[in-house]
PDB file of all heavy atoms in Angstrom:
ATOM      1  N   THR A   1      25.787  10.105  -4.017  1.00  0.00           N
ATOM      2  CA  THR A   1      26.798   9.328  -3.287  1.00  0.00           C
ATOM      3  C   THR A   1      26.596   9.547  -1.785  1.00  0.00           C
ATOM      4  O   THR A   1      25.978  10.534  -1.366  1.00  0.00           O
ATOM      5  CB  THR A   1      28.222   9.778  -3.667  1.00  0.00           C
ATOM      6  OG1 THR A   1      28.403  11.139  -3.228  1.00  0.00           O
ATOM      7  CG2 THR A   1      28.458   9.664  -5.171  1.00  0.00           C
ATOM      8  N   GLU A   2      27.133   8.624  -1.009  1.00  0.00           N
ATOM      9  CA  GLU A   2      27.056   8.774   0.456  1.00  0.00           C
ATOM     10  C   GLU A   2      27.677  10.097   0.897  1.00  0.00           C
ATOM     11  O   GLU A   2      27.177  10.746   1.807  1.00  0.00           O
ATOM     12  CB  GLU A   2      27.752   7.601   1.163  1.00  0.00           C
ATOM     13  CG  GLU A   2      26.971   6.323   1.193  1.00  0.00           C
ATOM     14  CD  GLU A   2      25.740   6.333   2.108  1.00  0.00           C
ATOM     15  OE1 GLU A   2      25.653   7.175   3.028  1.00  0.00           O
ATOM     16  OE2 GLU A   2      24.870   5.485   1.902  1.00  0.00           O
ATOM     17  N   ASP A   3      28.758  10.505   0.241  1.00  0.00           N
ATOM     18  CA  ASP A   3      29.406  11.771   0.598  1.00  0.00           C
ATOM     19  C   ASP A   3      28.475  12.961   0.374  1.00  0.00           C
ATOM     20  O   ASP A   3      28.466  13.910   1.157  1.00  0.00           O
ATOM     21  CB  ASP A   3      30.689  11.970  -0.206  1.00  0.00           C
ATOM     22  CG  ASP A   3      31.786  10.998   0.186  1.00  0.00           C
ATOM     23  OD1 ASP A   3      31.728  10.451   1.304  1.00  0.00           O
ATOM     24  OD2 ASP A   3      32.701  10.790  -0.624  1.00  0.00           O
ATOM     25  N   MET A   4      27.714  12.924  -0.709  1.00  0.00           N
ATOM     26  CA  MET A   4      26.801  14.034  -1.029  1.00  0.00           C
ATOM     27  C   MET A   4      25.585  14.063  -0.103  1.00  0.00           C
ATOM     28  O   MET A   4      25.012  15.130   0.131  1.00  0.00           O
ATOM     29  CB  MET A   4      26.259  13.895  -2.460  1.00  0.00           C
ATOM     30  CG  MET A   4      27.270  13.992  -3.553  1.00  0.00           C
ATOM     31  SD  MET A   4      26.496  13.483  -5.108  1.00  0.00           S
ATOM     32  CE  MET A   4      25.894  15.066  -5.668  1.00  0.00           C
ATOM     33  N   ALA A   5      25.194  12.919   0.405  1.00  0.00           N
ATOM     34  CA  ALA A   5      23.907  12.772   1.094  1.00  0.00           C
ATOM     35  C   ALA A   5      23.756  13.662   2.317  1.00  0.00           C
ATOM     36  O   ALA A   5      22.635  14.012   2.689  1.00  0.00           O
ATOM     37  CB  ALA A   5      23.691  11.308   1.481  1.00  0.00           C
ATOM     38  N   ASP A   6      24.871  14.044   2.943  1.00  0.00           N
ATOM     39  CA  ASP A   6      24.784  14.798   4.199  1.00  0.00           C
ATOM     40  C   ASP A   6      25.317  16.229   4.099  1.00  0.00           C
ATOM     41  O   ASP A   6      25.476  16.899   5.111  1.00  0.00           O
ATOM     42  CB  ASP A   6      25.498  14.033   5.308  1.00  0.00           C
ATOM     43  CG  ASP A   6      24.814  12.702   5.570  1.00  0.00           C
ATOM     44  OD1 ASP A   6      23.583  12.693   5.761  1.00  0.00           O
ATOM     45  OD2 ASP A   6      25.501  11.666   5.559  1.00  0.00           O
ATOM     46  N   ILE A   7      25.574  16.686   2.893  1.00  0.00           N
ATOM     47  CA  ILE A   7      25.994  18.077   2.706  1.00  0.00           C
ATOM     48  C   ILE A   7      24.750  18.961   2.679  1.00  0.00           C
ATOM     49  O   ILE A   7      23.762  18.626   2.032  1.00  0.00           O
ATOM     50  CB  ILE A   7      26.792  18.235   1.393  1.00  0.00           C
ATOM     51  CG1 ILE A   7      28.081  17.411   1.467  1.00  0.00           C
ATOM     52  CG2 ILE A   7      27.091  19.707   1.104  1.00  0.00           C
ATOM     53  CD1 ILE A   7      28.832  17.328   0.144  1.00  0.00           C
ATOM     54  N   MET A   8      24.810  20.072   3.403  1.00  0.00           N
ATOM     55  CA  MET A   8      23.702  21.029   3.402  1.00  0.00           C
ATOM     56  C   MET A   8      24.220  22.343   2.826  1.00  0.00           C
ATOM     57  O   MET A   8      24.797  23.161   3.540  1.00  0.00           O
ATOM     58  CB  MET A   8      23.143  21.240   4.807  1.00  0.00           C
ATOM     59  CG  MET A   8      21.836  22.003   4.791  1.00  0.00           C
ATOM     60  SD  MET A   8      21.102  22.333   6.431  1.00  0.00           S
ATOM     61  CE  MET A   8      21.531  20.946   7.414  1.00  0.00           C
ATOM     62  N   PRO A   9      24.009  22.552   1.519  1.00  0.00           N
ATOM     63  CA  PRO A   9      24.491  23.790   0.911  1.00  0.00           C
ATOM     64  C   PRO A   9      23.784  25.021   1.497  1.00  0.00           C
ATOM     65  O   PRO A   9      22.670  24.922   2.023  1.00  0.00           O
ATOM     66  CB  PRO A   9      24.138  23.637  -0.574  1.00  0.00           C
ATOM     67  CG  PRO A   9      23.816  22.203  -0.773  1.00  0.00           C
ATOM     68  CD  PRO A   9      23.349  21.688   0.548  1.00  0.00           C
ATOM     69  N   LYS A  10      24.447  26.132   1.397  1.00  0.00           N
ATOM     70  CA  LYS A  10      23.856  27.397   1.840  1.00  0.00           C
ATOM     71  C   LYS A  10      22.496  27.595   1.156  1.00  0.00           C
ATOM     72  O   LYS A  10      22.343  27.329  -0.030  1.00  0.00           O
ATOM     73  CB  LYS A  10      24.802  28.540   1.471  1.00  0.00           C
ATOM     74  CG  LYS A  10      24.337  29.884   1.965  1.00  0.00           C
ATOM     75  CD  LYS A  10      25.368  30.949   1.638  1.00  0.00           C
ATOM     76  CE  LYS A  10      24.741  32.285   1.860  1.00  0.00           C
ATOM     77  NZ  LYS A  10      25.265  33.164   2.735  1.00  0.00           N
ATOM     78  N   GLY A  11      21.528  28.029   1.933  1.00  0.00           N
ATOM     79  CA  GLY A  11      20.189  28.275   1.398  1.00  0.00           C
ATOM     80  C   GLY A  11      19.229  27.105   1.551  1.00  0.00           C
ATOM     81  O   GLY A  11      18.049  27.222   1.250  1.00  0.00           O
ATOM     82  N   PHE A  12      19.731  25.964   2.034  1.00  0.00           N
ATOM     83  CA  PHE A  12      18.878  24.789   2.234  1.00  0.00           C
ATOM     84  C   PHE A  12      18.757  24.492   3.723  1.00  0.00           C
ATOM     85  O   PHE A  12      19.685  24.714   4.490  1.00  0.00           O
ATOM     86  CB  PHE A  12      19.444  23.571   1.493  1.00  0.00           C
ATOM     87  CG  PHE A  12      19.343  23.700   0.001  1.00  0.00           C
ATOM     88  CD1 PHE A  12      20.386  24.245  -0.730  1.00  0.00           C
ATOM     89  CD2 PHE A  12      18.193  23.298  -0.666  1.00  0.00           C
ATOM     90  CE1 PHE A  12      20.300  24.379  -2.109  1.00  0.00           C
ATOM     91  CE2 PHE A  12      18.093  23.434  -2.043  1.00  0.00           C
ATOM     92  CZ  PHE A  12      19.149  23.977  -2.771  1.00  0.00           C
ATOM     93  N   ASN A  13      17.594  23.962   4.116  1.00  0.00           N
ATOM     94  CA  ASN A  13      17.338  23.665   5.530  1.00  0.00           C
ATOM     95  C   ASN A  13      17.697  22.248   5.926  1.00  0.00           C
ATOM     96  O   ASN A  13      17.782  21.946   7.107  1.00  0.00           O
ATOM     97  CB  ASN A  13      15.856  23.885   5.852  1.00  0.00           C
ATOM     98  CG  ASN A  13      15.447  25.319   5.683  1.00  0.00           C
ATOM     99  OD1 ASN A  13      16.237  26.225   5.915  1.00  0.00           O
ATOM    100  ND2 ASN A  13      14.218  25.536   5.265  1.00  0.00           N
ATOM    101  N   ASN A  14      17.811  21.359   4.930  1.00  0.00           N
ATOM    102  CA  ASN A  14      18.078  19.961   5.216  1.00  0.00           C
ATOM    103  C   ASN A  14      18.974  19.378   4.134  1.00  0.00           C
ATOM    104  O   ASN A  14      19.346  20.056   3.192  1.00  0.00           O
ATOM    105  CB  ASN A  14      16.760  19.177   5.338  1.00  0.00           C
ATOM    106  CG  ASN A  14      16.142  19.347   6.717  1.00  0.00           C
ATOM    107  OD1 ASN A  14      16.783  19.062   7.726  1.00  0.00           O
ATOM    108  ND2 ASN A  14      14.912  19.812   6.772  1.00  0.00           N
ATOM    109  N   THR A  15      19.289  18.107   4.291  1.00  0.00           N
ATOM    110  CA  THR A  15      20.192  17.414   3.383  1.00  0.00           C
ATOM    111  C   THR A  15      19.416  16.488   2.442  1.00  0.00           C
ATOM    112  O   THR A  15      18.215  16.269   2.626  1.00  0.00           O
ATOM    113  CB  THR A  15      21.179  16.560   4.191  1.00  0.00           C
ATOM    114  OG1 THR A  15      20.419  15.562   4.906  1.00  0.00           O
ATOM    115  CG2 THR A  15      21.997  17.395   5.176  1.00  0.00           C
ATOM    116  N   ILE A  16      20.126  15.918   1.500  1.00  0.00           N
ATOM    117  CA  ILE A  16      19.511  14.937   0.609  1.00  0.00           C
ATOM    118  C   ILE A  16      19.017  13.735   1.413  1.00  0.00           C
ATOM    119  O   ILE A  16      17.892  13.273   1.225  1.00  0.00           O
ATOM    120  CB  ILE A  16      20.508  14.505  -0.492  1.00  0.00           C
ATOM    121  CG1 ILE A  16      20.736  15.676  -1.470  1.00  0.00           C
ATOM    122  CG2 ILE A  16      20.014  13.251  -1.215  1.00  0.00           C
ATOM    123  CD1 ILE A  16      21.831  15.437  -2.497  1.00  0.00           C
ATOM    124  N   ARG A  17      19.852  13.232   2.321  1.00  0.00           N
ATOM    125  CA  ARG A  17      19.447  12.063   3.112  1.00  0.00           C
ATOM    126  C   ARG A  17      18.163  12.363   3.893  1.00  0.00           C
ATOM    127  O   ARG A  17      17.253  11.542   3.939  1.00  0.00           O
ATOM    128  CB  ARG A  17      20.559  11.635   4.079  1.00  0.00           C
ATOM    129  CG  ARG A  17      20.250  10.314   4.775  1.00  0.00           C
ATOM    130  CD  ARG A  17      21.343   9.912   5.780  1.00  0.00           C
ATOM    131  NE  ARG A  17      22.686  10.082   5.288  1.00  0.00           N
ATOM    132  CZ  ARG A  17      23.365   9.170   4.577  1.00  0.00           C
ATOM    133  NH1 ARG A  17      22.799   8.023   4.272  1.00  0.00           N
ATOM    134  NH2 ARG A  17      24.599   9.417   4.189  1.00  0.00           N
ATOM    135  N   TRP A  18      18.076  13.558   4.483  1.00  0.00           N
ATOM    136  CA  TRP A  18      16.872  13.909   5.229  1.00  0.00           C
ATOM    137  C   TRP A  18      15.649  13.923   4.307  1.00  0.00           C
ATOM    138  O   TRP A  18      14.594  13.400   4.666  1.00  0.00           O
ATOM    139  CB  TRP A  18      17.028  15.278   5.925  1.00  0.00           C
ATOM    140  CG  TRP A  18      15.820  15.603   6.750  1.00  0.00           C
ATOM    141  CD1 TRP A  18      15.638  15.295   8.074  1.00  0.00           C
ATOM    142  CD2 TRP A  18      14.623  16.261   6.323  1.00  0.00           C
ATOM    143  NE1 TRP A  18      14.387  15.725   8.480  1.00  0.00           N
ATOM    144  CE2 TRP A  18      13.748  16.322   7.421  1.00  0.00           C
ATOM    145  CE3 TRP A  18      14.208  16.806   5.113  1.00  0.00           C
ATOM    146  CZ2 TRP A  18      12.480  16.906   7.356  1.00  0.00           C
ATOM    147  CZ3 TRP A  18      12.943  17.378   5.039  1.00  0.00           C
ATOM    148  CH2 TRP A  18      12.096  17.437   6.143  1.00  0.00           C
ATOM    149  N   ASN A  19      15.768  14.494   3.134  1.00  0.00           N
ATOM    150  CA  ASN A  19      14.633  14.564   2.205  1.00  0.00           C
ATOM    151  C   ASN A  19      14.168  13.177   1.775  1.00  0.00           C
ATOM    152  O   ASN A  19      12.961  12.935   1.674  1.00  0.00           O
ATOM    153  CB  ASN A  19      14.984  15.425   0.992  1.00  0.00           C
ATOM    154  CG  ASN A  19      14.815  16.897   1.277  1.00  0.00           C
ATOM    155  OD1 ASN A  19      13.718  17.433   1.184  1.00  0.00           O
ATOM    156  ND2 ASN A  19      15.898  17.554   1.659  1.00  0.00           N
ATOM    157  N   ILE A  20      15.098  12.263   1.542  1.00  0.00           N
ATOM    158  CA  ILE A  20      14.724  10.892   1.171  1.00  0.00           C
ATOM    159  C   ILE A  20      13.959  10.239   2.324  1.00  0.00           C
ATOM    160  O   ILE A  20      12.886   9.654   2.127  1.00  0.00           O
ATOM    161  CB  ILE A  20      15.968  10.054   0.805  1.00  0.00           C
ATOM    162  CG1 ILE A  20      16.672  10.639  -0.415  1.00  0.00           C
ATOM    163  CG2 ILE A  20      15.579   8.588   0.562  1.00  0.00           C
ATOM    164  CD1 ILE A  20      18.077  10.066  -0.645  1.00  0.00           C
ATOM    165  N   GLY A  21      14.518  10.338   3.515  1.00  0.00           N
ATOM    166  CA  GLY A  21      13.851   9.758   4.677  1.00  0.00           C
ATOM    167  C   GLY A  21      12.499  10.391   4.940  1.00  0.00           C
ATOM    168  O   GLY A  21      11.541   9.711   5.329  1.00  0.00           O
ATOM    169  N   HIS A  22      12.405  11.682   4.705  1.00  0.00           N
ATOM    170  CA  HIS A  22      11.145  12.392   4.926  1.00  0.00           C
ATOM    171  C   HIS A  22      10.060  11.906   3.963  1.00  0.00           C
ATOM    172  O   HIS A  22       8.902  11.746   4.351  1.00  0.00           O
ATOM    173  CB  HIS A  22      11.371  13.904   4.788  1.00  0.00           C
ATOM    174  CG  HIS A  22      10.173  14.715   5.116  1.00  0.00           C
ATOM    175  ND1 HIS A  22       9.669  14.822   6.400  1.00  0.00           N
ATOM    176  CD2 HIS A  22       9.347  15.446   4.324  1.00  0.00           C
ATOM    177  CE1 HIS A  22       8.593  15.596   6.383  1.00  0.00           C
ATOM    178  NE2 HIS A  22       8.373  15.980   5.135  1.00  0.00           N
ATOM    179  N   ILE A  23      10.420  11.659   2.710  1.00  0.00           N
ATOM    180  CA  ILE A  23       9.458  11.090   1.750  1.00  0.00           C
ATOM    181  C   ILE A  23       8.897   9.784   2.316  1.00  0.00           C
ATOM    182  O   ILE A  23       7.682   9.561   2.313  1.00  0.00           O
ATOM    183  CB  ILE A  23      10.135  10.850   0.377  1.00  0.00           C
ATOM    184  CG1 ILE A  23      10.415  12.183  -0.330  1.00  0.00           C
ATOM    185  CG2 ILE A  23       9.273   9.932  -0.497  1.00  0.00           C
ATOM    186  CD1 ILE A  23      11.329  12.063  -1.557  1.00  0.00           C
ATOM    187  N   LEU A  24       9.774   8.918   2.804  1.00  0.00           N
ATOM    188  CA  LEU A  24       9.345   7.639   3.365  1.00  0.00           C
ATOM    189  C   LEU A  24       8.417   7.821   4.560  1.00  0.00           C
ATOM    190  O   LEU A  24       7.369   7.177   4.647  1.00  0.00           O
ATOM    191  CB  LEU A  24      10.570   6.822   3.796  1.00  0.00           C
ATOM    192  CG  LEU A  24      11.351   6.128   2.696  1.00  0.00           C
ATOM    193  CD1 LEU A  24      12.744   5.760   3.173  1.00  0.00           C
ATOM    194  CD2 LEU A  24      10.591   4.909   2.208  1.00  0.00           C
ATOM    195  N   ILE A  25       8.817   8.677   5.470  1.00  0.00           N
ATOM    196  CA  ILE A  25       8.055   8.876   6.698  1.00  0.00           C
ATOM    197  C   ILE A  25       6.661   9.420   6.413  1.00  0.00           C
ATOM    198  O   ILE A  25       5.676   8.946   6.975  1.00  0.00           O
ATOM    199  CB  ILE A  25       8.820   9.846   7.642  1.00  0.00           C
ATOM    200  CG1 ILE A  25       9.938   9.095   8.339  1.00  0.00           C
ATOM    201  CG2 ILE A  25       7.920  10.493   8.666  1.00  0.00           C
ATOM    202  CD1 ILE A  25       9.481   7.975   9.235  1.00  0.00           C
ATOM    203  N   VAL A  26       6.563  10.434   5.575  1.00  0.00           N
ATOM    204  CA  VAL A  26       5.252  11.033   5.302  1.00  0.00           C
ATOM    205  C   VAL A  26       4.324  10.011   4.660  1.00  0.00           C
ATOM    206  O   VAL A  26       3.162   9.881   5.054  1.00  0.00           O
ATOM    207  CB  VAL A  26       5.387  12.312   4.454  1.00  0.00           C
ATOM    208  CG1 VAL A  26       4.043  12.765   3.916  1.00  0.00           C
ATOM    209  CG2 VAL A  26       6.020  13.419   5.303  1.00  0.00           C
ATOM    210  N   GLN A  27       4.824   9.258   3.703  1.00  0.00           N
ATOM    211  CA  GLN A  27       4.000   8.232   3.059  1.00  0.00           C
ATOM    212  C   GLN A  27       3.523   7.212   4.095  1.00  0.00           C
ATOM    213  O   GLN A  27       2.364   6.818   4.112  1.00  0.00           O
ATOM    214  CB  GLN A  27       4.822   7.561   1.962  1.00  0.00           C
ATOM    215  CG  GLN A  27       4.042   6.740   0.992  1.00  0.00           C
ATOM    216  CD  GLN A  27       3.262   7.582   0.023  1.00  0.00           C
ATOM    217  OE1 GLN A  27       2.186   8.055   0.365  1.00  0.00           O
ATOM    218  NE2 GLN A  27       3.773   7.767  -1.164  1.00  0.00           N
ATOM    219  N   ASP A  28       4.425   6.798   4.978  1.00  0.00           N
ATOM    220  CA  ASP A  28       4.098   5.823   6.018  1.00  0.00           C
ATOM    221  C   ASP A  28       3.083   6.399   7.008  1.00  0.00           C
ATOM    222  O   ASP A  28       2.124   5.718   7.390  1.00  0.00           O
ATOM    223  CB  ASP A  28       5.390   5.414   6.744  1.00  0.00           C
ATOM    224  CG  ASP A  28       5.228   4.165   7.581  1.00  0.00           C
ATOM    225  OD1 ASP A  28       4.652   3.174   7.088  1.00  0.00           O
ATOM    226  OD2 ASP A  28       5.693   4.175   8.738  1.00  0.00           O
ATOM    227  N   GLN A  29       3.271   7.643   7.406  1.00  0.00           N
ATOM    228  CA  GLN A  29       2.358   8.256   8.366  1.00  0.00           C
ATOM    229  C   GLN A  29       0.971   8.497   7.768  1.00  0.00           C
ATOM    230  O   GLN A  29      -0.032   8.340   8.459  1.00  0.00           O
ATOM    231  CB  GLN A  29       2.948   9.560   8.906  1.00  0.00           C
ATOM    232  CG  GLN A  29       4.127   9.303   9.820  1.00  0.00           C
ATOM    233  CD  GLN A  29       4.791  10.574  10.316  1.00  0.00           C
ATOM    234  OE1 GLN A  29       4.768  11.605   9.662  1.00  0.00           O
ATOM    235  NE2 GLN A  29       5.403  10.481  11.486  1.00  0.00           N
ATOM    236  N   LEU A  30       0.913   8.872   6.494  1.00  0.00           N
ATOM    237  CA  LEU A  30      -0.395   9.038   5.856  1.00  0.00           C
ATOM    238  C   LEU A  30      -1.138   7.707   5.848  1.00  0.00           C
ATOM    239  O   LEU A  30      -2.338   7.658   6.146  1.00  0.00           O
ATOM    240  CB  LEU A  30      -0.249   9.591   4.436  1.00  0.00           C
ATOM    241  CG  LEU A  30       0.152  11.061   4.335  1.00  0.00           C
ATOM    242  CD1 LEU A  30       0.429  11.434   2.879  1.00  0.00           C
ATOM    243  CD2 LEU A  30      -0.903  11.981   4.931  1.00  0.00           C
ATOM    244  N   ALA A  31      -0.436   6.626   5.534  1.00  0.00           N
ATOM    245  CA  ALA A  31      -1.069   5.305   5.497  1.00  0.00           C
ATOM    246  C   ALA A  31      -1.536   4.866   6.879  1.00  0.00           C
ATOM    247  O   ALA A  31      -2.608   4.274   7.019  1.00  0.00           O
ATOM    248  CB  ALA A  31      -0.122   4.270   4.896  1.00  0.00           C
ATOM    249  N   SER A  32      -0.759   5.177   7.906  1.00  0.00           N
ATOM    250  CA  SER A  32      -1.166   4.744   9.248  1.00  0.00           C
ATOM    251  C   SER A  32      -2.208   5.686   9.859  1.00  0.00           C
ATOM    252  O   SER A  32      -3.206   5.229  10.398  1.00  0.00           O
ATOM    253  CB  SER A  32       0.052   4.601  10.166  1.00  0.00           C
ATOM    254  OG  SER A  32       0.675   5.840  10.378  1.00  0.00           O
ATOM    255  N   ASN A  33      -2.007   6.981   9.747  1.00  0.00           N
ATOM    256  CA  ASN A  33      -2.905   7.940  10.405  1.00  0.00           C
ATOM    257  C   ASN A  33      -4.254   8.092   9.723  1.00  0.00           C
ATOM    258  O   ASN A  33      -5.252   8.392  10.383  1.00  0.00           O
ATOM    259  CB  ASN A  33      -2.250   9.322  10.503  1.00  0.00           C
ATOM    260  CG  ASN A  33      -1.039   9.326  11.401  1.00  0.00           C
ATOM    261  OD1 ASN A  33      -0.858   8.453  12.230  1.00  0.00           O
ATOM    262  ND2 ASN A  33      -0.175  10.299  11.210  1.00  0.00           N
ATOM    263  N   PHE A  34      -4.303   7.922   8.406  1.00  0.00           N
ATOM    264  CA  PHE A  34      -5.544   8.186   7.682  1.00  0.00           C
ATOM    265  C   PHE A  34      -6.185   6.933   7.101  1.00  0.00           C
ATOM    266  O   PHE A  34      -7.356   6.949   6.748  1.00  0.00           O
ATOM    267  CB  PHE A  34      -5.306   9.229   6.580  1.00  0.00           C
ATOM    268  CG  PHE A  34      -4.937  10.558   7.148  1.00  0.00           C
ATOM    269  CD1 PHE A  34      -3.605  10.905   7.344  1.00  0.00           C
ATOM    270  CD2 PHE A  34      -5.908  11.461   7.541  1.00  0.00           C
ATOM    271  CE1 PHE A  34      -3.252  12.114   7.914  1.00  0.00           C
ATOM    272  CE2 PHE A  34      -5.570  12.677   8.109  1.00  0.00           C
ATOM    273  CZ  PHE A  34      -4.240  13.010   8.294  1.00  0.00           C
ATOM    274  N   VAL A  35      -5.423   5.846   6.994  1.00  0.00           N
ATOM    275  CA  VAL A  35      -5.962   4.610   6.431  1.00  0.00           C
ATOM    276  C   VAL A  35      -6.080   3.531   7.503  1.00  0.00           C
ATOM    277  O   VAL A  35      -6.896   2.636   7.412  1.00  0.00           O
ATOM    278  CB  VAL A  35      -5.087   4.123   5.248  1.00  0.00           C
ATOM    279  CG1 VAL A  35      -5.648   2.845   4.643  1.00  0.00           C
ATOM    280  CG2 VAL A  35      -4.975   5.203   4.188  1.00  0.00           C
ATOM    281  N   GLY A  36      -5.250   3.621   8.524  1.00  0.00           N
ATOM    282  CA  GLY A  36      -5.302   2.648   9.604  1.00  0.00           C
ATOM    283  C   GLY A  36      -4.346   1.485   9.442  1.00  0.00           C
ATOM    284  O   GLY A  36      -4.420   0.507  10.174  1.00  0.00           O
ATOM    285  N   LEU A  37      -3.421   1.581   8.492  1.00  0.00           N
ATOM    286  CA  LEU A  37      -2.418   0.526   8.331  1.00  0.00           C
ATOM    287  C   LEU A  37      -1.360   0.660   9.419  1.00  0.00           C
ATOM    288  O   LEU A  37      -1.092   1.764   9.892  1.00  0.00           O
ATOM    289  CB  LEU A  37      -1.752   0.635   6.959  1.00  0.00           C
ATOM    290  CG  LEU A  37      -2.655   0.417   5.744  1.00  0.00           C
ATOM    291  CD1 LEU A  37      -1.887   0.689   4.458  1.00  0.00           C
ATOM    292  CD2 LEU A  37      -3.210  -0.989   5.744  1.00  0.00           C
ATOM    293  N   PRO A  38      -0.743  -0.448   9.809  1.00  0.00           N
ATOM    294  CA  PRO A  38       0.337  -0.340  10.805  1.00  0.00           C
ATOM    295  C   PRO A  38       1.533   0.386  10.203  1.00  0.00           C
ATOM    296  O   PRO A  38       1.815   0.244   9.009  1.00  0.00           O
ATOM    297  CB  PRO A  38       0.679  -1.796  11.121  1.00  0.00           C
ATOM    298  CG  PRO A  38       0.108  -2.598  10.009  1.00  0.00           C
ATOM    299  CD  PRO A  38      -1.000  -1.815   9.388  1.00  0.00           C
ATOM    300  N   GLN A  39       2.222   1.169  11.037  1.00  0.00           N
ATOM    301  CA  GLN A  39       3.422   1.846  10.551  1.00  0.00           C
ATOM    302  C   GLN A  39       4.446   0.799  10.148  1.00  0.00           C
ATOM    303  O   GLN A  39       4.632  -0.196  10.846  1.00  0.00           O
ATOM    304  CB  GLN A  39       3.999   2.774  11.619  1.00  0.00           C
ATOM    305  CG  GLN A  39       3.285   4.111  11.667  1.00  0.00           C
ATOM    306  CD  GLN A  39       4.071   5.134  12.435  1.00  0.00           C
ATOM    307  OE1 GLN A  39       3.952   5.229  13.636  1.00  0.00           O
ATOM    308  NE2 GLN A  39       4.879   5.900  11.727  1.00  0.00           N
TER     309      GLN A  39
END
């Protein structure tokens, strides 16, 4: 849920929303930096 997405429980460095966005970013950066596709 949107409410859960930004909670950072003790012992974690980031939130659920950050992890989802990070998956997207890394995939996009690998495609642009190593394959040459536009971001």
